Amino acid sequence: NAVNALKNGQIDGFVTAGSFPAPNVIEAAASTGVTVLSLNDEQIA
């Protein structure tokens, strides 16, 4: 339900794991505009 919920403003974001490019992220980016967050070195560690 993540992409529809994002479109409707019910959520501010979602977390997904899969091979990239991820189909649900492609859909969200194309339909509503998104920012996919980057992790810094400390967070990765």
Full PDB file with SEQRES, HELIX, SHEET, SSBOND, CRYST1, ORIGX, SCALE, CONECT and MASTER records, all heavy atoms in Angstrom:
SEQRES   1 A   45  ASN ALA VAL ASN ALA LEU LYS ASN GLY GLN ILE ASP GLY          
SEQRES   2 A   45  PHE VAL THR ALA GLY SER PHE PRO ALA PRO ASN VAL ILE          
SEQRES   3 A   45  GLU ALA ALA ALA SER THR GLY VAL THR VAL LEU SER LEU          
SEQRES   4 A   45  ASN ASP GLU GLN ILE ALA                                      
HELIX    1 AA1 ALA A    2  LYS A    7  1                                   6    
HELIX    2 AA2 PRO A   23  SER A   31  1                                   9    
HELIX    3 AA3 ASP A   41  ILE A   44  1                                   4    
CRYST1    1.000    1.000    1.000  90.00  90.00  90.00 P 1           1          
ORIGX1      1.000000  0.000000  0.000000        0.00000                         
ORIGX2      0.000000  1.000000  0.000000        0.00000                         
ORIGX3      0.000000  0.000000  1.000000        0.00000                         
SCALE1      1.000000  0.000000  0.000000        0.00000                         
SCALE2      0.000000  1.000000  0.000000        0.00000                         
SCALE3      0.000000  0.000000  1.000000        0.00000                         
ATOM      1  N   ASN A   1       0.815  -1.228   0.000  1.00  0.00           N  
ATOM      2  CA  ASN A   1       0.000   0.000   0.000  1.00  0.00           C  
ATOM      3  C   ASN A   1       0.844   1.271   0.000  1.00  0.00           C  
ATOM      4  O   ASN A   1       0.290   2.380   0.007  1.00  0.00           O  
ATOM      5  CB  ASN A   1      -0.909   0.024   1.240  1.00  0.00           C  
ATOM      6  CG  ASN A   1      -1.848  -1.168   1.283  1.00  0.00           C  
ATOM      7  OD1 ASN A   1      -2.340  -1.604   0.249  1.00  0.00           O  
ATOM      8  ND2 ASN A   1      -2.097  -1.695   2.481  1.00  0.00           N  
ATOM      9  N   ALA A   2       2.166   1.130  -0.001  1.00  0.00           N  
ATOM     10  CA  ALA A   2       3.052   2.267   0.246  1.00  0.00           C  
ATOM     11  C   ALA A   2       2.908   3.383  -0.778  1.00  0.00           C  
ATOM     12  O   ALA A   2       2.798   4.562  -0.415  1.00  0.00           O  
ATOM     13  CB  ALA A   2       4.508   1.796   0.299  1.00  0.00           C  
ATOM     14  N   VAL A   3       2.907   3.057  -2.045  1.00  0.00           N  
ATOM     15  CA  VAL A   3       2.892   4.108  -3.071  1.00  0.00           C  
ATOM     16  C   VAL A   3       1.583   4.892  -3.023  1.00  0.00           C  
ATOM     17  O   VAL A   3       1.585   6.130  -3.064  1.00  0.00           O  
ATOM     18  CB  VAL A   3       3.126   3.513  -4.474  1.00  0.00           C  
ATOM     19  CG1 VAL A   3       3.018   4.605  -5.533  1.00  0.00           C  
ATOM     20  CG2 VAL A   3       4.508   2.851  -4.548  1.00  0.00           C  
ATOM     21  N   ASN A   4       0.447   4.192  -2.920  1.00  0.00           N  
ATOM     22  CA  ASN A   4      -0.841   4.889  -2.831  1.00  0.00           C  
ATOM     23  C   ASN A   4      -0.924   5.747  -1.580  1.00  0.00           C  
ATOM     24  O   ASN A   4      -1.433   6.873  -1.619  1.00  0.00           O  
ATOM     25  CB  ASN A   4      -1.992   3.887  -2.853  1.00  0.00           C  
ATOM     26  CG  ASN A   4      -2.273   3.364  -4.254  1.00  0.00           C  
ATOM     27  OD1 ASN A   4      -1.967   4.035  -5.236  1.00  0.00           O  
ATOM     28  ND2 ASN A   4      -2.836   2.172  -4.336  1.00  0.00           N  
ATOM     29  N   ALA A   5      -0.426   5.211  -0.451  1.00  0.00           N  
ATOM     30  CA  ALA A   5      -0.452   5.972   0.798  1.00  0.00           C  
ATOM     31  C   ALA A   5       0.412   7.226   0.697  1.00  0.00           C  
ATOM     32  O   ALA A   5       0.068   8.283   1.242  1.00  0.00           O  
ATOM     33  CB  ALA A   5       0.015   5.093   1.957  1.00  0.00           C  
ATOM     34  N   LEU A   6       1.535   7.118  -0.019  1.00  0.00           N  
ATOM     35  CA  LEU A   6       2.401   8.276  -0.217  1.00  0.00           C  
ATOM     36  C   LEU A   6       1.713   9.319  -1.098  1.00  0.00           C  
ATOM     37  O   LEU A   6       1.747  10.517  -0.803  1.00  0.00           O  
ATOM     38  CB  LEU A   6       3.729   7.817  -0.847  1.00  0.00           C  
ATOM     39  CG  LEU A   6       4.915   8.782  -0.739  1.00  0.00           C  
ATOM     40  CD1 LEU A   6       5.422   8.836   0.693  1.00  0.00           C  
ATOM     41  CD2 LEU A   6       6.053   8.356  -1.674  1.00  0.00           C  
ATOM     42  N   LYS A   7       1.084   8.849  -2.177  1.00  0.00           N  
ATOM     43  CA  LYS A   7       0.360   9.751  -3.076  1.00  0.00           C  
ATOM     44  C   LYS A   7      -0.740  10.515  -2.340  1.00  0.00           C  
ATOM     45  O   LYS A   7      -0.973  11.697  -2.588  1.00  0.00           O  
ATOM     46  CB  LYS A   7      -0.271   8.961  -4.226  1.00  0.00           C  
ATOM     47  CG  LYS A   7       0.682   8.443  -5.272  1.00  0.00           C  
ATOM     48  CD  LYS A   7      -0.100   7.673  -6.330  1.00  0.00           C  
ATOM     49  CE  LYS A   7       0.791   7.034  -7.356  1.00  0.00           C  
ATOM     50  NZ  LYS A   7       0.021   6.245  -8.360  1.00  0.00           N  
ATOM     51  N   ASN A   8      -1.443   9.795  -1.444  1.00  0.00           N  
ATOM     52  CA  ASN A   8      -2.582  10.385  -0.736  1.00  0.00           C  
ATOM     53  C   ASN A   8      -2.187  11.188   0.490  1.00  0.00           C  
ATOM     54  O   ASN A   8      -3.055  11.736   1.183  1.00  0.00           O  
ATOM     55  CB  ASN A   8      -3.567   9.277  -0.318  1.00  0.00           C  
ATOM     56  CG  ASN A   8      -4.140   8.537  -1.513  1.00  0.00           C  
ATOM     57  OD1 ASN A   8      -4.252   9.105  -2.595  1.00  0.00           O  
ATOM     58  ND2 ASN A   8      -4.495   7.274  -1.322  1.00  0.00           N  
ATOM     59  N   GLY A   9      -0.879  11.248   0.782  1.00  0.00           N  
ATOM     60  CA  GLY A   9      -0.417  12.009   1.925  1.00  0.00           C  
ATOM     61  C   GLY A   9      -0.677  11.348   3.267  1.00  0.00           C  
ATOM     62  O   GLY A   9      -0.560  11.982   4.316  1.00  0.00           O  
ATOM     63  N   GLN A  10      -0.988  10.038   3.243  1.00  0.00           N  
ATOM     64  CA  GLN A  10      -1.235   9.313   4.500  1.00  0.00           C  
ATOM     65  C   GLN A  10       0.069   8.997   5.224  1.00  0.00           C  
ATOM     66  O   GLN A  10       0.068   8.786   6.435  1.00  0.00           O  
ATOM     67  CB  GLN A  10      -2.002   8.018   4.212  1.00  0.00           C  
ATOM     68  CG  GLN A  10      -3.398   8.247   3.654  1.00  0.00           C  
ATOM     69  CD  GLN A  10      -4.008   6.956   3.126  1.00  0.00           C  
ATOM     70  OE1 GLN A  10      -3.514   6.353   2.164  1.00  0.00           O  
ATOM     71  NE2 GLN A  10      -5.077   6.529   3.768  1.00  0.00           N  
ATOM     72  N   ILE A  11       1.142   8.925   4.472  1.00  0.00           N  
ATOM     73  CA  ILE A  11       2.460   8.691   5.052  1.00  0.00           C  
ATOM     74  C   ILE A  11       3.437   9.690   4.452  1.00  0.00           C  
ATOM     75  O   ILE A  11       3.183  10.281   3.393  1.00  0.00           O  
ATOM     76  CB  ILE A  11       2.967   7.250   4.799  1.00  0.00           C  
ATOM     77  CG1 ILE A  11       3.064   6.969   3.279  1.00  0.00           C  
ATOM     78  CG2 ILE A  11       2.083   6.223   5.497  1.00  0.00           C  
ATOM     79  CD1 ILE A  11       3.699   5.635   2.938  1.00  0.00           C  
ATOM     80  N   ASP A  12       4.563   9.870   5.125  1.00  0.00           N  
ATOM     81  CA  ASP A  12       5.616  10.758   4.616  1.00  0.00           C  
ATOM     82  C   ASP A  12       6.698   9.988   3.881  1.00  0.00           C  
ATOM     83  O   ASP A  12       7.475  10.572   3.115  1.00  0.00           O  
ATOM     84  CB  ASP A  12       6.248  11.536   5.773  1.00  0.00           C  
ATOM     85  CG  ASP A  12       5.250  12.434   6.477  1.00  0.00           C  
ATOM     86  OD1 ASP A  12       4.711  13.346   5.829  1.00  0.00           O  
ATOM     87  OD2 ASP A  12       4.999  12.197   7.684  1.00  0.00           O  
ATOM     88  N   GLY A  13       6.762   8.694   4.156  1.00  0.00           N  
ATOM     89  CA  GLY A  13       7.795   7.898   3.518  1.00  0.00           C  
ATOM     90  C   GLY A  13       7.602   6.421   3.782  1.00  0.00           C  
ATOM     91  O   GLY A  13       6.741   6.022   4.580  1.00  0.00           O  
ATOM     92  N   PHE A  14       8.411   5.604   3.094  1.00  0.00           N  
ATOM     93  CA  PHE A  14       8.358   4.157   3.328  1.00  0.00           C  
ATOM     94  C   PHE A  14       9.752   3.569   3.162  1.00  0.00           C  
ATOM     95  O   PHE A  14      10.649   4.185   2.567  1.00  0.00           O  
ATOM     96  CB  PHE A  14       7.351   3.472   2.403  1.00  0.00           C  
ATOM     97  CG  PHE A  14       7.664   3.533   0.926  1.00  0.00           C  
ATOM     98  CD1 PHE A  14       8.421   2.541   0.305  1.00  0.00           C  
ATOM     99  CD2 PHE A  14       7.176   4.582   0.142  1.00  0.00           C  
ATOM    100  CE1 PHE A  14       8.695   2.585  -1.058  1.00  0.00           C  
ATOM    101  CE2 PHE A  14       7.441   4.637  -1.228  1.00  0.00           C  
ATOM    102  CZ  PHE A  14       8.199   3.633  -1.821  1.00  0.00           C  
ATOM    103  N   VAL A  15       9.916   2.378   3.712  1.00  0.00           N  
ATOM    104  CA  VAL A  15      11.196   1.670   3.643  1.00  0.00           C  
ATOM    105  C   VAL A  15      10.981   0.388   2.845  1.00  0.00           C  
ATOM    106  O   VAL A  15      10.020  -0.350   3.087  1.00  0.00           O  
ATOM    107  CB  VAL A  15      11.723   1.331   5.044  1.00  0.00           C  
ATOM    108  CG1 VAL A  15      13.061   0.581   4.951  1.00  0.00           C  
ATOM    109  CG2 VAL A  15      11.890   2.597   5.877  1.00  0.00           C  
ATOM    110  N   THR A  16      11.847   0.153   1.887  1.00  0.00           N  
ATOM    111  CA  THR A  16      11.732  -1.073   1.104  1.00  0.00           C  
ATOM    112  C   THR A  16      13.121  -1.614   0.809  1.00  0.00           C  
ATOM    113  O   THR A  16      14.092  -0.857   0.720  1.00  0.00           O  
ATOM    114  CB  THR A  16      10.957  -0.808  -0.208  1.00  0.00           C  
ATOM    115  OG1 THR A  16      10.738  -2.040  -0.890  1.00  0.00           O  
ATOM    116  CG2 THR A  16      11.722   0.136  -1.127  1.00  0.00           C  
ATOM    117  N   ALA A  17      13.214  -2.916   0.685  1.00  0.00           N  
ATOM    118  CA  ALA A  17      14.484  -3.562   0.347  1.00  0.00           C  
ATOM    119  C   ALA A  17      14.253  -4.485  -0.836  1.00  0.00           C  
ATOM    120  O   ALA A  17      13.307  -5.276  -0.841  1.00  0.00           O  
ATOM    121  CB  ALA A  17      15.030  -4.351   1.528  1.00  0.00           C  
ATOM    122  N   GLY A  18      15.076  -4.357  -1.826  1.00  0.00           N  
ATOM    123  CA  GLY A  18      14.982  -5.205  -3.007  1.00  0.00           C  
ATOM    124  C   GLY A  18      16.079  -4.811  -3.956  1.00  0.00           C  
ATOM    125  O   GLY A  18      16.849  -3.900  -3.697  1.00  0.00           O  
ATOM    126  N   SER A  19      16.165  -5.520  -5.060  1.00  0.00           N  
ATOM    127  CA  SER A  19      17.167  -5.146  -6.050  1.00  0.00           C  
ATOM    128  C   SER A  19      16.805  -3.789  -6.626  1.00  0.00           C  
ATOM    129  O   SER A  19      15.636  -3.424  -6.684  1.00  0.00           O  
ATOM    130  CB  SER A  19      17.169  -6.192  -7.166  1.00  0.00           C  
ATOM    131  OG  SER A  19      15.853  -6.369  -7.646  1.00  0.00           O  
ATOM    132  N   PHE A  20      17.828  -3.011  -6.991  1.00  0.00           N  
ATOM    133  CA  PHE A  20      17.513  -1.715  -7.586  1.00  0.00           C  
ATOM    134  C   PHE A  20      17.702  -1.782  -9.097  1.00  0.00           C  
ATOM    135  O   PHE A  20      18.530  -2.568  -9.579  1.00  0.00           O  
ATOM    136  CB  PHE A  20      18.390  -0.614  -6.966  1.00  0.00           C  
ATOM    137  CG  PHE A  20      19.809  -0.559  -7.473  1.00  0.00           C  
ATOM    138  CD1 PHE A  20      20.146   0.175  -8.608  1.00  0.00           C  
ATOM    139  CD2 PHE A  20      20.826  -1.250  -6.831  1.00  0.00           C  
ATOM    140  CE1 PHE A  20      21.451   0.233  -9.084  1.00  0.00           C  
ATOM    141  CE2 PHE A  20      22.141  -1.208  -7.295  1.00  0.00           C  
ATOM    142  CZ  PHE A  20      22.443  -0.457  -8.425  1.00  0.00           C  
ATOM    143  N   PRO A  21      16.907  -1.006  -9.860  1.00  0.00           N  
ATOM    144  CA  PRO A  21      15.862  -0.103  -9.398  1.00  0.00           C  
ATOM    145  C   PRO A  21      14.628  -0.869  -8.920  1.00  0.00           C  
ATOM    146  O   PRO A  21      14.169  -1.784  -9.593  1.00  0.00           O  
ATOM    147  CB  PRO A  21      15.553   0.739 -10.640  1.00  0.00           C  
ATOM    148  CG  PRO A  21      15.953  -0.117 -11.801  1.00  0.00           C  
ATOM    149  CD  PRO A  21      17.103  -0.940 -11.333  1.00  0.00           C  
ATOM    150  N   ALA A  22      14.103  -0.468  -7.747  1.00  0.00           N  
ATOM    151  CA  ALA A  22      12.962  -1.148  -7.145  1.00  0.00           C  
ATOM    152  C   ALA A  22      11.667  -0.657  -7.800  1.00  0.00           C  
ATOM    153  O   ALA A  22      11.458   0.552  -7.914  1.00  0.00           O  
ATOM    154  CB  ALA A  22      12.933  -0.867  -5.648  1.00  0.00           C  
ATOM    155  N   PRO A  23      10.794  -1.552  -8.238  1.00  0.00           N  
ATOM    156  CA  PRO A  23       9.569  -1.141  -8.938  1.00  0.00           C  
ATOM    157  C   PRO A  23       8.701  -0.152  -8.150  1.00  0.00           C  
ATOM    158  O   PRO A  23       8.181   0.807  -8.733  1.00  0.00           O  
ATOM    159  CB  PRO A  23       8.826  -2.470  -9.144  1.00  0.00           C  
ATOM    160  CG  PRO A  23       9.916  -3.490  -9.206  1.00  0.00           C  
ATOM    161  CD  PRO A  23      10.936  -3.019  -8.216  1.00  0.00           C  
ATOM    162  N   ASN A  24       8.567  -0.355  -6.828  1.00  0.00           N  
ATOM    163  CA  ASN A  24       7.720   0.568  -6.061  1.00  0.00           C  
ATOM    164  C   ASN A  24       8.361   1.950  -5.925  1.00  0.00           C  
ATOM    165  O   ASN A  24       7.674   2.973  -5.865  1.00  0.00           O  
ATOM    166  CB  ASN A  24       7.341  -0.008  -4.690  1.00  0.00           C  
ATOM    167  CG  ASN A  24       8.524  -0.497  -3.887  1.00  0.00           C  
ATOM    168  OD1 ASN A  24       9.669  -0.473  -4.334  1.00  0.00           O  
ATOM    169  ND2 ASN A  24       8.252  -0.970  -2.675  1.00  0.00           N  
ATOM    170  N   VAL A  25       9.694   2.010  -5.923  1.00  0.00           N  
ATOM    171  CA  VAL A  25      10.380   3.305  -5.861  1.00  0.00           C  
ATOM    172  C   VAL A  25      10.286   4.005  -7.221  1.00  0.00           C  
ATOM    173  O   VAL A  25      10.105   5.228  -7.286  1.00  0.00           O  
ATOM    174  CB  VAL A  25      11.850   3.137  -5.427  1.00  0.00           C  
ATOM    175  CG1 VAL A  25      12.539   4.496  -5.311  1.00  0.00           C  
ATOM    176  CG2 VAL A  25      11.931   2.400  -4.091  1.00  0.00           C  
ATOM    177  N   ILE A  26      10.394   3.236  -8.295  1.00  0.00           N  
ATOM    178  CA  ILE A  26      10.225   3.804  -9.637  1.00  0.00           C  
ATOM    179  C   ILE A  26       8.849   4.466  -9.754  1.00  0.00           C  
ATOM    180  O   ILE A  26       8.717   5.602 -10.218  1.00  0.00           O  
ATOM    181  CB  ILE A  26      10.371   2.708 -10.717  1.00  0.00           C  
ATOM    182  CG1 ILE A  26      11.811   2.215 -10.801  1.00  0.00           C  
ATOM    183  CG2 ILE A  26       9.913   3.236 -12.084  1.00  0.00           C  
ATOM    184  CD1 ILE A  26      12.000   1.038 -11.736  1.00  0.00           C  
ATOM    185  N   GLU A  27       7.818   3.748  -9.293  1.00  0.00           N  
ATOM    186  CA  GLU A  27       6.446   4.266  -9.378  1.00  0.00           C  
ATOM    187  C   GLU A  27       6.269   5.520  -8.527  1.00  0.00           C  
ATOM    188  O   GLU A  27       5.691   6.515  -8.977  1.00  0.00           O  
ATOM    189  CB  GLU A  27       5.454   3.190  -8.940  1.00  0.00           C  
ATOM    190  CG  GLU A  27       4.002   3.616  -9.076  1.00  0.00           C  
ATOM    191  CD  GLU A  27       3.016   2.563  -8.598  1.00  0.00           C  
ATOM    192  OE1 GLU A  27       3.456   1.451  -8.225  1.00  0.00           O  
ATOM    193  OE2 GLU A  27       1.805   2.862  -8.566  1.00  0.00           O  
ATOM    194  N   ALA A  28       6.791   5.475  -7.301  1.00  0.00           N  
ATOM    195  CA  ALA A  28       6.652   6.628  -6.404  1.00  0.00           C  
ATOM    196  C   ALA A  28       7.391   7.845  -6.947  1.00  0.00           C  
ATOM    197  O   ALA A  28       6.879   8.972  -6.916  1.00  0.00           O  
ATOM    198  CB  ALA A  28       7.171   6.272  -5.013  1.00  0.00           C  
ATOM    199  N   ALA A  29       8.603   7.622  -7.469  1.00  0.00           N  
ATOM    200  CA  ALA A  29       9.404   8.736  -7.986  1.00  0.00           C  
ATOM    201  C   ALA A  29       8.748   9.376  -9.205  1.00  0.00           C  
ATOM    202  O   ALA A  29       8.779  10.595  -9.376  1.00  0.00           O  
ATOM    203  CB  ALA A  29      10.801   8.242  -8.336  1.00  0.00           C  
ATOM    204  N   ALA A  30       8.140   8.539 -10.048  1.00  0.00           N  
ATOM    205  CA  ALA A  30       7.531   9.050 -11.272  1.00  0.00           C  
ATOM    206  C   ALA A  30       6.192   9.734 -11.022  1.00  0.00           C  
ATOM    207  O   ALA A  30       5.818  10.660 -11.739  1.00  0.00           O  
ATOM    208  CB  ALA A  30       7.354   7.912 -12.270  1.00  0.00           C  
ATOM    209  N   SER A  31       5.484   9.285  -9.981  1.00  0.00           N  
ATOM    210  CA  SER A  31       4.120   9.784  -9.778  1.00  0.00           C  
ATOM    211  C   SER A  31       4.013  10.925  -8.769  1.00  0.00           C  
ATOM    212  O   SER A  31       3.173  11.815  -8.922  1.00  0.00           O  
ATOM    213  CB  SER A  31       3.201   8.641  -9.342  1.00  0.00           C  
ATOM    214  OG  SER A  31       3.663   8.053  -8.133  1.00  0.00           O  
ATOM    215  N   THR A  32       4.850  10.908  -7.738  1.00  0.00           N  
ATOM    216  CA  THR A  32       4.715  11.945  -6.705  1.00  0.00           C  
ATOM    217  C   THR A  32       5.987  12.734  -6.454  1.00  0.00           C  
ATOM    218  O   THR A  32       5.947  13.814  -5.875  1.00  0.00           O  
ATOM    219  CB  THR A  32       4.277  11.323  -5.363  1.00  0.00           C  
ATOM    220  OG1 THR A  32       5.307  10.441  -4.901  1.00  0.00           O  
ATOM    221  CG2 THR A  32       2.996  10.531  -5.509  1.00  0.00           C  
ATOM    222  N   GLY A  33       7.119  12.191  -6.833  1.00  0.00           N  
ATOM    223  CA  GLY A  33       8.400  12.840  -6.529  1.00  0.00           C  
ATOM    224  C   GLY A  33       8.865  12.424  -5.153  1.00  0.00           C  
ATOM    225  O   GLY A  33       8.131  12.550  -4.172  1.00  0.00           O  
ATOM    226  N   VAL A  34      10.068  11.873  -5.080  1.00  0.00           N  
ATOM    227  CA  VAL A  34      10.585  11.382  -3.802  1.00  0.00           C  
ATOM    228  C   VAL A  34      12.051  11.744  -3.637  1.00  0.00           C  
ATOM    229  O   VAL A  34      12.740  12.086  -4.601  1.00  0.00           O  
ATOM    230  CB  VAL A  34      10.442   9.846  -3.676  1.00  0.00           C  
ATOM    231  CG1 VAL A  34       8.981   9.418  -3.760  1.00  0.00           C  
ATOM    232  CG2 VAL A  34      11.281   9.122  -4.739  1.00  0.00           C  
ATOM    233  N   THR A  35      12.512  11.638  -2.396  1.00  0.00           N  
ATOM    234  CA  THR A  35      13.934  11.711  -2.074  1.00  0.00           C  
ATOM    235  C   THR A  35      14.312  10.394  -1.416  1.00  0.00           C  
ATOM    236  O   THR A  35      13.696  10.000  -0.421  1.00  0.00           O  
ATOM    237  CB  THR A  35      14.233  12.861  -1.102  1.00  0.00           C  
ATOM    238  OG1 THR A  35      13.876  14.098  -1.711  1.00  0.00           O  
ATOM    239  CG2 THR A  35      15.717  12.889  -0.737  1.00  0.00           C  
ATOM    240  N   VAL A  36      15.271   9.694  -1.991  1.00  0.00           N  
ATOM    241  CA  VAL A  36      15.783   8.468  -1.372  1.00  0.00           C  
ATOM    242  C   VAL A  36      17.015   8.862  -0.561  1.00  0.00           C  
ATOM    243  O   VAL A  36      17.979   9.412  -1.091  1.00  0.00           O  
ATOM    244  CB  VAL A  36      16.142   7.408  -2.429  1.00  0.00           C  
ATOM    245  CG1 VAL A  36      16.658   6.135  -1.743  1.00  0.00           C  
ATOM    246  CG2 VAL A  36      14.930   7.085  -3.300  1.00  0.00           C  
ATOM    247  N   LEU A  37      16.951   8.613   0.756  1.00  0.00           N  
ATOM    248  CA  LEU A  37      17.987   9.101   1.660  1.00  0.00           C  
ATOM    249  C   LEU A  37      19.300   8.342   1.500  1.00  0.00           C  
ATOM    250  O   LEU A  37      19.318   7.133   1.290  1.00  0.00           O  
ATOM    251  CB  LEU A  37      17.520   8.989   3.106  1.00  0.00           C  
ATOM    252  CG  LEU A  37      16.209   9.694   3.462  1.00  0.00           C  
ATOM    253  CD1 LEU A  37      15.946   9.577   4.973  1.00  0.00           C  
ATOM    254  CD2 LEU A  37      16.238  11.166   3.044  1.00  0.00           C  
ATOM    255  N   SER A  38      20.402   9.069   1.630  1.00  0.00           N  
ATOM    256  CA  SER A  38      21.730   8.467   1.668  1.00  0.00           C  
ATOM    257  C   SER A  38      22.180   8.289   3.110  1.00  0.00           C  
ATOM    258  O   SER A  38      21.800   9.069   3.998  1.00  0.00           O  
ATOM    259  CB  SER A  38      22.748   9.358   0.945  1.00  0.00           C  
ATOM    260  OG  SER A  38      22.732   9.149  -0.443  1.00  0.00           O  
ATOM    261  N   LEU A  39      22.988   7.265   3.350  1.00  0.00           N  
ATOM    262  CA  LEU A  39      23.585   7.030   4.659  1.00  0.00           C  
ATOM    263  C   LEU A  39      25.018   7.544   4.634  1.00  0.00           C  
ATOM    264  O   LEU A  39      25.713   7.436   3.612  1.00  0.00           O  
ATOM    265  CB  LEU A  39      23.594   5.543   5.007  1.00  0.00           C  
ATOM    266  CG  LEU A  39      22.279   4.919   5.495  1.00  0.00           C  
ATOM    267  CD1 LEU A  39      21.273   4.781   4.350  1.00  0.00           C  
ATOM    268  CD2 LEU A  39      22.533   3.548   6.137  1.00  0.00           C  
ATOM    269  N   ASN A  40      25.466   8.092   5.762  1.00  0.00           N  
ATOM    270  CA  ASN A  40      26.859   8.513   5.847  1.00  0.00           C  
ATOM    271  C   ASN A  40      27.732   7.346   6.305  1.00  0.00           C  
ATOM    272  O   ASN A  40      27.225   6.257   6.628  1.00  0.00           O  
ATOM    273  CB  ASN A  40      27.016   9.735   6.761  1.00  0.00           C  
ATOM    274  CG  ASN A  40      26.541   9.474   8.189  1.00  0.00           C  
ATOM    275  OD1 ASN A  40      26.720   8.369   8.734  1.00  0.00           O  
ATOM    276  ND2 ASN A  40      25.941  10.482   8.823  1.00  0.00           N  
ATOM    277  N   ASP A  41      29.042   7.573   6.345  1.00  0.00           N  
ATOM    278  CA  ASP A  41      29.973   6.499   6.686  1.00  0.00           C  
ATOM    279  C   ASP A  41      29.702   5.919   8.067  1.00  0.00           C  
ATOM    280  O   ASP A  41      29.768   4.696   8.273  1.00  0.00           O  
ATOM    281  CB  ASP A  41      31.417   7.017   6.625  1.00  0.00           C  
ATOM    282  CG  ASP A  41      31.864   7.336   5.207  1.00  0.00           C  
ATOM    283  OD1 ASP A  41      31.186   6.886   4.258  1.00  0.00           O  
ATOM    284  OD2 ASP A  41      32.879   8.038   5.052  1.00  0.00           O  
ATOM    285  N   GLU A  42      29.397   6.771   9.034  1.00  0.00           N  
ATOM    286  CA  GLU A  42      29.136   6.302  10.393  1.00  0.00           C  
ATOM    287  C   GLU A  42      27.882   5.427  10.435  1.00  0.00           C  
ATOM    288  O   GLU A  42      27.875   4.382  11.100  1.00  0.00           O  
ATOM    289  CB  GLU A  42      28.963   7.498  11.334  1.00  0.00           C  
ATOM    290  CG  GLU A  42      28.737   7.096  12.789  1.00  0.00           C  
ATOM    291  CD  GLU A  42      28.535   8.294  13.704  1.00  0.00           C  
ATOM    292  OE1 GLU A  42      28.689   9.447  13.233  1.00  0.00           O  
ATOM    293  OE2 GLU A  42      28.200   8.080  14.882  1.00  0.00           O  
ATOM    294  N   GLN A  43      26.853   5.828   9.724  1.00  0.00           N  
ATOM    295  CA  GLN A  43      25.614   5.051   9.706  1.00  0.00           C  
ATOM    296  C   GLN A  43      25.810   3.695   9.031  1.00  0.00           C  
ATOM    297  O   GLN A  43      25.281   2.683   9.493  1.00  0.00           O  
ATOM    298  CB  GLN A  43      24.519   5.860   9.006  1.00  0.00           C  
ATOM    299  CG  GLN A  43      24.039   7.049   9.810  1.00  0.00           C  
ATOM    300  CD  GLN A  43      23.187   8.008   9.001  1.00  0.00           C  
ATOM    301  OE1 GLN A  43      23.320   8.091   7.775  1.00  0.00           O  
ATOM    302  NE2 GLN A  43      22.307   8.748   9.670  1.00  0.00           N  
ATOM    303  N   ILE A  44      26.596   3.673   7.975  1.00  0.00           N  
ATOM    304  CA  ILE A  44      26.875   2.406   7.298  1.00  0.00           C  
ATOM    305  C   ILE A  44      27.651   1.476   8.226  1.00  0.00           C  
ATOM    306  O   ILE A  44      27.363   0.272   8.311  1.00  0.00           O  
ATOM    307  CB  ILE A  44      27.649   2.647   5.989  1.00  0.00           C  
ATOM    308  CG1 ILE A  44      26.731   3.345   4.971  1.00  0.00           C  
ATOM    309  CG2 ILE A  44      28.183   1.336   5.417  1.00  0.00           C  
ATOM    310  CD1 ILE A  44      27.427   3.805   3.720  1.00  0.00           C  
ATOM    311  N   ALA A  45      28.607   2.029   8.952  1.00  0.00           N  
ATOM    312  CA  ALA A  45      29.379   1.223   9.905  1.00  0.00           C  
ATOM    313  C   ALA A  45      28.470   0.671  11.004  1.00  0.00           C  
ATOM    314  O   ALA A  45      28.595  -0.494  11.404  1.00  0.00           O  
ATOM    315  CB  ALA A  45      30.493   2.059  10.513  1.00  0.00           C  
TER     316      ALA A  45                                                      
MASTER        0    0    0    3    0    0    0    6  315    1    0    4          
END                                                                             
